[in-house]
C-alpha atoms as a PDB file:
ATOM      1  CA  MET A   1       0.000   0.000   0.000  1.00  0.00           C
ATOM      2  CA  GLY A   2       1.235   3.508  -0.724  1.00  0.00           C
ATOM      3  CA  ALA A   3       1.585   6.357   1.728  1.00  0.00           C
ATOM      4  CA  ARG A   4      -1.558   8.072   3.000  1.00  0.00           C
ATOM      5  CA  ARG A   5      -2.300  11.172   0.929  1.00  0.00           C
ATOM      6  CA  ARG A   6      -4.680  14.011   1.814  1.00  0.00           C
ATOM      7  CA  ALA A   7      -6.610  16.475  -0.329  1.00  0.00           C
ATOM      8  CA  LEU A   8      -9.260  19.101   0.395  1.00  0.00           C
ATOM      9  CA  ALA A   9     -12.729  17.672  -0.349  1.00  0.00           C
ATOM     10  CA  HIS A  10     -15.383  20.232  -1.327  1.00  0.00           C
ATOM     11  CA  VAL A  11     -19.034  19.274  -1.678  1.00  0.00           C
ATOM     12  CA  ALA A  12     -22.121  21.278  -2.632  1.00  0.00           C
ATOM     13  CA  GLY A  13     -23.295  23.470   0.204  1.00  0.00           C
ATOM     14  CA  ASP A  14     -19.855  23.899   1.840  1.00  0.00           C
ATOM     15  CA  ARG A  15     -19.093  27.540   2.658  1.00  0.00           C
ATOM     16  CA  LEU A  16     -15.926  29.243   3.832  1.00  0.00           C
ATOM     17  CA  ALA A  17     -16.018  32.741   5.367  1.00  0.00           C
ATOM     18  CA  LEU A  18     -13.677  35.236   3.716  1.00  0.00           C
ATOM     19  CA  ASN A  19     -11.857  37.648   6.045  1.00  0.00           C
ATOM     20  CA  GLY A  20     -14.258  36.676   8.801  1.00  0.00           C
ATOM     21  CA  ASN A  21     -17.265  38.657   7.517  1.00  0.00           C
ATOM     22  CA  GLY A  22     -17.763  37.628   3.902  1.00  0.00           C
ATOM     23  CA  ASP A  23     -16.084  40.747   2.502  1.00  0.00           C
ATOM     24  CA  TYR A  24     -13.335  39.466   0.197  1.00  0.00           C
ATOM     25  CA  SER A  25     -10.406  41.877  -0.038  1.00  0.00           C
ATOM     26  CA  GLY A  26      -7.616  39.785  -1.427  1.00  0.00           C
ATOM     27  CA  GLY A  27      -6.990  37.028   1.091  1.00  0.00           C
ATOM     28  CA  VAL A  28      -8.680  34.109   2.770  1.00  0.00           C
ATOM     29  CA  VAL A  29      -8.508  34.068   6.545  1.00  0.00           C
ATOM     30  CA  ALA A  30      -8.121  30.556   7.924  1.00  0.00           C
ATOM     31  CA  PRO A  31      -8.373  30.642  11.738  1.00  0.00           C
ATOM     32  CA  ARG A  32      -6.736  27.759  13.550  1.00  0.00           C
ATOM     33  CA  ASP A  33     -10.085  26.503  14.856  1.00  0.00           C
ATOM     34  CA  LEU A  34     -11.665  26.322  11.379  1.00  0.00           C
ATOM     35  CA  SER A  35     -11.893  22.760  10.077  1.00  0.00           C
ATOM     36  CA  VAL A  36     -12.719  21.488   6.599  1.00  0.00           C
ATOM     37  CA  PRO A  37     -13.208  17.951   5.308  1.00  0.00           C
ATOM     38  CA  ILE A  38     -10.022  16.227   4.176  1.00  0.00           C
ATOM     39  CA  ARG A  39     -10.285  13.131   2.027  1.00  0.00           C
ATOM     40  CA  VAL A  40      -7.707  10.518   3.008  1.00  0.00           C
ATOM     41  CA  PHE A  41      -6.413   8.217   0.276  1.00  0.00           C
ATOM     42  CA  GLN A  42      -5.202   4.844   1.444  1.00  0.00           C
ATOM     43  CA  GLY A  43      -2.989   3.550  -1.322  1.00  0.00           C
ATOM     44  CA  GLY A  44      -3.333   4.277  -4.994  1.00  0.00           C
ATOM     45  CA  VAL A  45      -6.798   5.480  -6.068  1.00  0.00           C
ATOM     46  CA  GLN A  46      -9.907   5.061  -3.934  1.00  0.00           C
ATOM     47  CA  PRO A  47     -10.749   7.382  -1.022  1.00  0.00           C
ATOM     48  CA  PHE A  48     -10.645   5.598   2.302  1.00  0.00           C
ATOM     49  CA  LYS A  49     -12.512   8.013   4.579  1.00  0.00           C
ATOM     50  CA  ASN A  50     -13.087  11.688   5.352  1.00  0.00           C
ATOM     51  CA  GLU A  51     -11.623  13.417   8.372  1.00  0.00           C
ATOM     52  CA  LEU A  52     -11.567  17.020   9.611  1.00  0.00           C
ATOM     53  CA  THR A  53      -8.346  19.031   9.765  1.00  0.00           C
ATOM     54  CA  PRO A  54      -7.787  22.614  10.994  1.00  0.00           C
ATOM     55  CA  VAL A  55      -6.958  24.797   7.971  1.00  0.00           C
ATOM     56  CA  GLY A  56      -4.734  27.145   9.980  1.00  0.00           C
ATOM     57  CA  GLU A  57      -2.613  24.261  11.244  1.00  0.00           C
ATOM     58  CA  GLU A  58      -2.320  22.819   7.745  1.00  0.00           C
ATOM     59  CA  LEU A  59      -1.151  26.149   6.292  1.00  0.00           C
ATOM     60  CA  SER A  60       1.316  26.601   9.146  1.00  0.00           C
ATOM     61  CA  ARG A  61       2.732  23.138   8.504  1.00  0.00           C
ATOM     62  CA  LEU A  62       3.153  23.896   4.800  1.00  0.00           C
ATOM     63  CA  ARG A  63       4.880  27.220   5.501  1.00  0.00           C
ATOM     64  CA  SER A  64       7.305  25.517   7.889  1.00  0.00           C
ATOM     65  CA  ALA A  65       8.106  22.883   5.272  1.00  0.00           C
ATOM     66  CA  ILE A  66       8.741  25.565   2.626  1.00  0.00           C
ATOM     67  CA  ASP A  67      11.017  27.545   4.980  1.00  0.00           C
ATOM     68  CA  ALA A  68      13.013  24.415   5.807  1.00  0.00           C
ATOM     69  CA  LEU A  69      13.428  23.617   2.107  1.00  0.00           C
ATOM     70  CA  ALA A  70      14.628  27.167   1.400  1.00  0.00           C
ATOM     71  CA  GLU A  71      17.287  26.820   4.111  1.00  0.00           C
ATOM     72  CA  GLN A  72      18.489  23.555   2.580  1.00  0.00           C
ATOM     73  CA  LEU A  73      18.682  25.104  -0.890  1.00  0.00           C
ATOM     74  CA  ALA A  74      20.705  28.077   0.396  1.00  0.00           C
ATOM     75  CA  THR A  75      23.208  25.753   2.058  1.00  0.00           C
ATOM     76  CA  ALA A  76      23.459  23.555  -1.039  1.00  0.00           C
ATOM     77  CA  GLN A  77      24.021  26.585  -3.263  1.00  0.00           C
ATOM     78  CA  LEU A  78      26.943  27.751  -1.158  1.00  0.00           C
ATOM     79  CA  SER A  79      28.647  24.347  -1.125  1.00  0.00           C
ATOM     80  CA  ALA A  80      27.994  23.659  -4.812  1.00  0.00           C
ATOM     81  CA  SER A  81      29.547  26.964  -5.895  1.00  0.00           C
ATOM     82  CA  ILE A  82      33.055  25.900  -4.848  1.00  0.00           C
ATOM     83  CA  ARG A  83      35.071  25.436  -8.021  1.00  0.00           C
ATOM     84  CA  ALA A  84      36.851  22.118  -7.652  1.00  0.00           C
ATOM     85  CA  GLU A  85      39.752  23.012  -9.915  1.00  0.00           C
ATOM     86  CA  ALA A  86      42.965  21.935  -8.238  1.00  0.00           C
ATOM     87  CA  PRO A  87      45.078  23.523  -6.939  1.00  0.00           C
ATOM     88  CA  HIS A  88      42.770  26.477  -6.265  1.00  0.00           C
ATOM     89  CA  TYR A  89      39.423  25.167  -4.951  1.00  0.00           C
ATOM     90  CA  THR A  90      37.999  28.659  -4.966  1.00  0.00           C
ATOM     91  CA  GLN A  91      34.567  30.100  -4.364  1.00  0.00           C
ATOM     92  CA  GLU A  92      33.423  33.304  -6.004  1.00  0.00           C
ATOM     93  CA  GLY A  93      30.298  35.336  -5.280  1.00  0.00           C
ATOM     94  CA  TRP A  94      31.391  37.043  -2.071  1.00  0.00           C
ATOM     95  CA  ARG A  95      30.839  40.813  -2.065  1.00  0.00           C
ATOM     96  CA  TYR A  96      31.429  43.832   0.129  1.00  0.00           C
ATOM     97  CA  CYS A  97      28.352  45.366   1.780  1.00  0.00           C
ATOM     98  CA  SER A  98      28.578  49.162   1.766  1.00  0.00           C
ATOM     99  CA  LYS A  99      26.121  49.415   4.675  1.00  0.00           C
ATOM    100  CA  CYS A 100      27.828  47.250   7.301  1.00  0.00           C
ATOM    101  CA  ALA A 101      31.320  46.919   5.702  1.00  0.00           C
ATOM    102  CA  GLY A 102      31.156  43.108   5.949  1.00  0.00           C
ATOM    103  CA  LEU A 103      31.706  40.373   3.350  1.00  0.00           C
ATOM    104  CA  SER A 104      28.509  38.520   2.399  1.00  0.00           C
ATOM    105  CA  PHE A 105      27.614  35.690   0.006  1.00  0.00           C
ATOM    106  CA  ALA A 106      25.726  37.485  -2.773  1.00  0.00           C
ATOM    107  CA  PRO A 107      23.936  34.487  -4.411  1.00  0.00           C
ATOM    108  CA  ASN A 108      21.941  34.150  -1.165  1.00  0.00           C
ATOM    109  CA  ARG A 109      21.432  37.916  -0.833  1.00  0.00           C
ATOM    110  CA  ALA A 110      17.660  37.654  -0.287  1.00  0.00           C
ATOM    111  CA  ARG A 111      18.263  35.598   2.864  1.00  0.00           C
ATOM    112  CA  GLY A 112      20.909  37.954   4.240  1.00  0.00           C
ATOM    113  CA  VAL A 113      20.475  40.317   7.179  1.00  0.00           C
ATOM    114  CA  CYS A 114      22.515  43.531   7.392  1.00  0.00           C
ATOM    115  CA  PRO A 115      22.976  45.005  10.892  1.00  0.00           C
ATOM    116  CA  ALA A 116      22.578  48.530   9.505  1.00  0.00           C
ATOM    117  CA  ASP A 117      18.862  48.146   8.725  1.00  0.00           C
ATOM    118  CA  LYS A 118      17.930  44.426   9.104  1.00  0.00           C
ATOM    119  CA  GLN A 119      17.476  44.252   5.315  1.00  0.00           C
ATOM    120  CA  PRO A 120      19.519  42.278   2.721  1.00  0.00           C
ATOM    121  CA  HIS A 121      23.139  43.329   2.279  1.00  0.00           C
ATOM    122  CA  ALA A 122      24.052  45.970  -0.318  1.00  0.00           C
ATOM    123  CA  VAL A 123      26.328  44.070  -2.712  1.00  0.00           C
ATOM    124  CA  GLU A 124      28.026  46.873  -4.611  1.00  0.00           C
ATOM    125  CA  SER A 125      31.562  45.529  -5.112  1.00  0.00           C
ATOM    126  CA  GLY A 126      33.045  43.139  -7.610  1.00  0.00           C
ATOM    127  CA  ALA A 127      33.016  39.433  -6.822  1.00  0.00           C
ATOM    128  CA  CYS A 128      35.558  38.251  -4.240  1.00  0.00           C
ATOM    129  CA  VAL A 129      37.240  34.847  -4.064  1.00  0.00           C
ATOM    130  CA  LEU A 130      37.675  32.640  -1.007  1.00  0.00           C
ATOM    131  CA  PHE A 131      39.904  29.596  -0.779  1.00  0.00           C
ATOM    132  CA  ALA A 132      38.119  26.448   0.339  1.00  0.00           C
ATOM    133  CA  HIS A 133      39.591  23.836   2.646  1.00  0.00           C
ATOM    134  CA  ARG A 134      41.175  21.687  -0.077  1.00  0.00           C
ATOM    135  CA  SER A 135      43.136  24.464  -1.751  1.00  0.00           C
ATOM    136  CA  GLN A 136      46.925  24.200  -1.821  1.00  0.00           C
ATOM    137  CA  TYR A 137      47.224  27.789  -0.633  1.00  0.00           C
ATOM    138  CA  ALA A 138      47.949  28.367   3.021  1.00  0.00           C
ATOM    139  CA  GLY A 139      46.228  30.862   5.262  1.00  0.00           C
ATOM    140  CA  GLN A 140      44.392  31.303   8.528  1.00  0.00           C
ATOM    141  CA  PRO A 141      41.727  28.617   9.131  1.00  0.00           C
ATOM    142  CA  GLY A 142      38.558  29.005  11.158  1.00  0.00           C
ATOM    143  CA  TRP A 143      36.615  31.196   8.724  1.00  0.00           C
ATOM    144  CA  ALA A 144      33.080  30.138   7.823  1.00  0.00           C
ATOM    145  CA  TRP A 145      29.740  31.258   6.392  1.00  0.00           C
ATOM    146  CA  CYS A 146      26.871  32.098   8.731  1.00  0.00           C
ATOM    147  CA  HIS A 147      23.662  30.753   7.166  1.00  0.00           C
ATOM    148  CA  LYS A 148      21.548  33.157   9.239  1.00  0.00           C
ATOM    149  CA  CYS A 149      22.989  36.469   7.996  1.00  0.00           C
ATOM    150  CA  GLN A 150      25.166  35.288   5.036  1.00  0.00           C
ATOM    151  CA  VAL A 151      28.448  36.903   6.178  1.00  0.00           C
ATOM    152  CA  LEU A 152      31.945  35.488   6.584  1.00  0.00           C
ATOM    153  CA  CYS A 153      32.935  35.189  10.235  1.00  0.00           C
ATOM    154  CA  HIS A 154      35.643  33.593  12.369  1.00  0.00           C
ATOM    155  CA  GLY A 155      35.450  31.576  15.530  1.00  0.00           C
ATOM    156  CA  THR A 156      36.502  28.383  17.253  1.00  0.00           C
ATOM    157  CA  ALA A 157      32.949  27.131  17.853  1.00  0.00           C
ATOM    158  CA  ALA A 158      29.950  26.503  15.607  1.00  0.00           C
ATOM    159  CA  LEU A 159      28.073  29.280  17.432  1.00  0.00           C
ATOM    160  CA  SER A 160      30.159  32.388  18.042  1.00  0.00           C
ATOM    161  CA  GLY A 161      30.125  36.165  17.781  1.00  0.00           C
ATOM    162  CA  SER A 162      27.057  38.365  17.288  1.00  0.00           C
ATOM    163  CA  CYS A 163      24.682  37.813  14.364  1.00  0.00           C
ATOM    164  CA  PRO A 164      22.343  40.552  13.051  1.00  0.00           C
ATOM    165  CA  ALA A 165      19.665  37.869  12.621  1.00  0.00           C
ATOM    166  CA  GLY A 166      19.740  37.297  16.385  1.00  0.00           C
ATOM    167  CA  GLY A 167      21.972  35.390  18.781  1.00  0.00           C
ATOM    168  CA  ALA A 168      25.365  34.105  17.674  1.00  0.00           C
ATOM    169  CA  HIS A 169      26.617  33.415  14.169  1.00  0.00           C
ATOM    170  CA  ASP A 170      25.827  29.830  13.129  1.00  0.00           C
ATOM    171  CA  ARG A 171      28.751  28.355  11.180  1.00  0.00           C
ATOM    172  CA  SER A 172      27.614  24.734  11.459  1.00  0.00           C
ATOM    173  CA  ARG A 173      26.499  24.411   7.805  1.00  0.00           C
ATOM    174  CA  SER A 174      29.553  26.002   6.219  1.00  0.00           C
ATOM    175  CA  PRO A 175      32.515  24.542   4.355  1.00  0.00           C
ATOM    176  CA  ALA A 176      35.866  25.482   5.881  1.00  0.00           C
ATOM    177  CA  PHE A 177      37.494  28.620   4.457  1.00  0.00           C
ATOM    178  CA  PHE A 178      40.773  30.372   5.174  1.00  0.00           C
ATOM    179  CA  LEU A 179      42.095  33.860   4.522  1.00  0.00           C
ATOM    180  CA  TRP A 180      45.471  34.955   3.259  1.00  0.00           C
ATOM    181  CA  SER A 181      47.505  37.534   5.134  1.00  0.00           C
ATOM    182  CA  ALA A 182      51.075  38.720   4.716  1.00  0.00           C
ATOM    183  CA  GLY A 183      51.280  38.749   8.509  1.00  0.00           C
ATOM    184  CA  LEU A 184      50.822  34.981   8.803  1.00  0.00           C
ATOM    185  CA  SER A 185      53.954  32.874   9.182  1.00  0.00           C
ATOM    186  CA  GLN A 186      52.410  30.178   6.977  1.00  0.00           C
ATOM    187  CA  ALA A 187      51.361  32.648   4.258  1.00  0.00           C
ATOM    188  CA  ASN A 188      51.946  31.214   0.810  1.00  0.00           C
ATOM    189  CA  LYS A 189      53.021  33.729  -1.813  1.00  0.00           C
ATOM    190  CA  LYS A 190      51.335  31.618  -4.505  1.00  0.00           C
ATOM    191  CA  ALA A 191      48.073  33.137  -3.380  1.00  0.00           C
ATOM    192  CA  ARG A 192      49.249  36.223  -5.212  1.00  0.00           C
ATOM    193  CA  ASP A 193      48.227  34.393  -8.392  1.00  0.00           C
ATOM    194  CA  PHE A 194      45.020  36.349  -7.740  1.00  0.00           C
ATOM    195  CA  PRO A 195      44.641  40.133  -7.549  1.00  0.00           C
ATOM    196  CA  VAL A 196      44.270  41.025  -3.882  1.00  0.00           C
ATOM    197  CA  GLN A 197      42.603  43.741  -1.848  1.00  0.00           C
ATOM    198  CA  GLU A 198      44.143  44.208   1.575  1.00  0.00           C
ATOM    199  CA  GLY A 199      42.761  46.198   4.477  1.00  0.00           C
ATOM    200  CA  TRP A 200      40.268  43.598   5.695  1.00  0.00           C
ATOM    201  CA  ARG A 201      40.149  43.028   9.455  1.00  0.00           C
ATOM    202  CA  TRP A 202      38.470  40.824  12.042  1.00  0.00           C
ATOM    203  CA  CYS A 203      35.945  42.551  14.308  1.00  0.00           C
ATOM    204  CA  GLY A 204      36.449  41.446  17.895  1.00  0.00           C
ATOM    205  CA  ARG A 205      32.855  42.290  18.811  1.00  0.00           C
ATOM    206  CA  CYS A 206      30.852  40.416  16.154  1.00  0.00           C
ATOM    207  CA  TYR A 207      33.626  38.110  14.784  1.00  0.00           C
ATOM    208  CA  GLY A 208      32.915  39.133  11.191  1.00  0.00           C
ATOM    209  CA  LEU A 209      35.385  40.097   8.460  1.00  0.00           C
ATOM    210  CA  VAL A 210      35.116  43.822   7.732  1.00  0.00           C
ATOM    211  CA  LEU A 211      36.763  46.406   5.502  1.00  0.00           C
ATOM    212  CA  GLY A 212      37.605  49.402   7.663  1.00  0.00           C
ATOM    213  CA  THR A 213      37.687  51.965   4.853  1.00  0.00           C
ATOM    214  CA  PRO A 214      36.012  54.041   3.562  1.00  0.00           C
ATOM    215  CA  SER A 215      33.488  53.423   6.363  1.00  0.00           C
ATOM    216  CA  PRO A 216      33.833  51.634   9.728  1.00  0.00           C
ATOM    217  CA  GLY A 217      30.453  50.045   9.022  1.00  0.00           C
ATOM    218  CA  ARG A 218      27.835  48.876  11.474  1.00  0.00           C
ATOM    219  CA  CYS A 219      28.418  46.106  14.021  1.00  0.00           C
ATOM    220  CA  PRO A 220      25.586  43.711  15.019  1.00  0.00           C
ATOM    221  CA  HIS A 221      26.852  43.536  18.610  1.00  0.00           C
ATOM    222  CA  PRO A 222      24.020  44.265  21.085  1.00  0.00           C
ATOM    223  CA  ASP A 223      25.830  47.441  22.178  1.00  0.00           C
ATOM    224  CA  GLY A 224      25.625  48.763  18.602  1.00  0.00           C
ATOM    225  CA  GLY A 225      28.078  51.179  17.049  1.00  0.00           C
ATOM    226  CA  ALA A 226      30.864  50.595  14.553  1.00  0.00           C
ATOM    227  CA  HIS A 227      33.057  47.517  14.181  1.00  0.00           C
ATOM    228  CA  SER A 228      36.107  47.185  16.418  1.00  0.00           C
ATOM    229  CA  THR A 229      39.295  45.947  14.746  1.00  0.00           C
ATOM    230  CA  SER A 230      41.781  46.881  17.470  1.00  0.00           C
ATOM    231  CA  GLU A 231      41.841  43.384  19.032  1.00  0.00           C
ATOM    232  CA  GLN A 232      44.342  42.099  16.460  1.00  0.00           C
ATOM    233  CA  ASN A 233      46.503  43.621  13.751  1.00  0.00           C
ATOM    234  CA  LEU A 234      46.387  41.061  10.956  1.00  0.00           C
ATOM    235  CA  ASN A 235      45.788  42.673   7.586  1.00  0.00           C
ATOM    236  CA  TYR A 236      43.815  40.159   5.530  1.00  0.00           C
ATOM    237  CA  GLY A 237      43.809  40.074   1.764  1.00  0.00           C
ATOM    238  CA  VAL A 238      40.644  39.131  -0.133  1.00  0.00           C
ATOM    239  CA  MET A 239      41.262  37.820  -3.641  1.00  0.00           C
ATOM    240  CA  TYR A 240      39.478  38.680  -6.861  1.00  0.00           C
ATOM    241  CA  PRO A 241      39.061  36.604 -10.041  1.00  0.00           C
ATOM    242  CA  ALA A 242      42.094  37.003 -12.292  1.00  0.00           C
END
């Protein structure tokens, strides 16, 4: 027997109130205590029985399923965009946000959250390149993508720093990235195969990567204000496509 399938069953005489008073103005209101007949199919073709289901609960369940699928697609898009061309293993699509001064993943822009206004990031720069974990180039590990706000951040735990979407950055769904810096003892000069923009710093308040000029940006730390890059002096270089 196949899985049980459900479909709305409408019969003559059934009525559904629109917006609570019969005045239709563009949307159907489905309160959680409203129930309609659902026809349950047991197996392939014939209906097995009718049962009642709350419309509001059914719509809520569908919305939750759609949101979960969107999260999975965003994560898959980030991982799939890594170019597996040895020795580089690069990922393009990262861009500077002129509002918060952070580095965000532009293909998922609609799901991003900028601390300046809680809206998507302003992606006004050219595409930047990150080196993924299998690249031959050396650099500082520990950098990852936060799926909640779409920025690049650093930390030693899956949950760390301050995220503009609320709570800490969540790096648990990210591939491992690393950044090049001339100040690192393990820096590999071969990374200069790519044009580089230096001047990127780590913010010790939110743990994000930020470009301190021309604007100090906006930090998502609960105390607000600009980013703070005084905690360390590494000058990171973000690469661009050659």
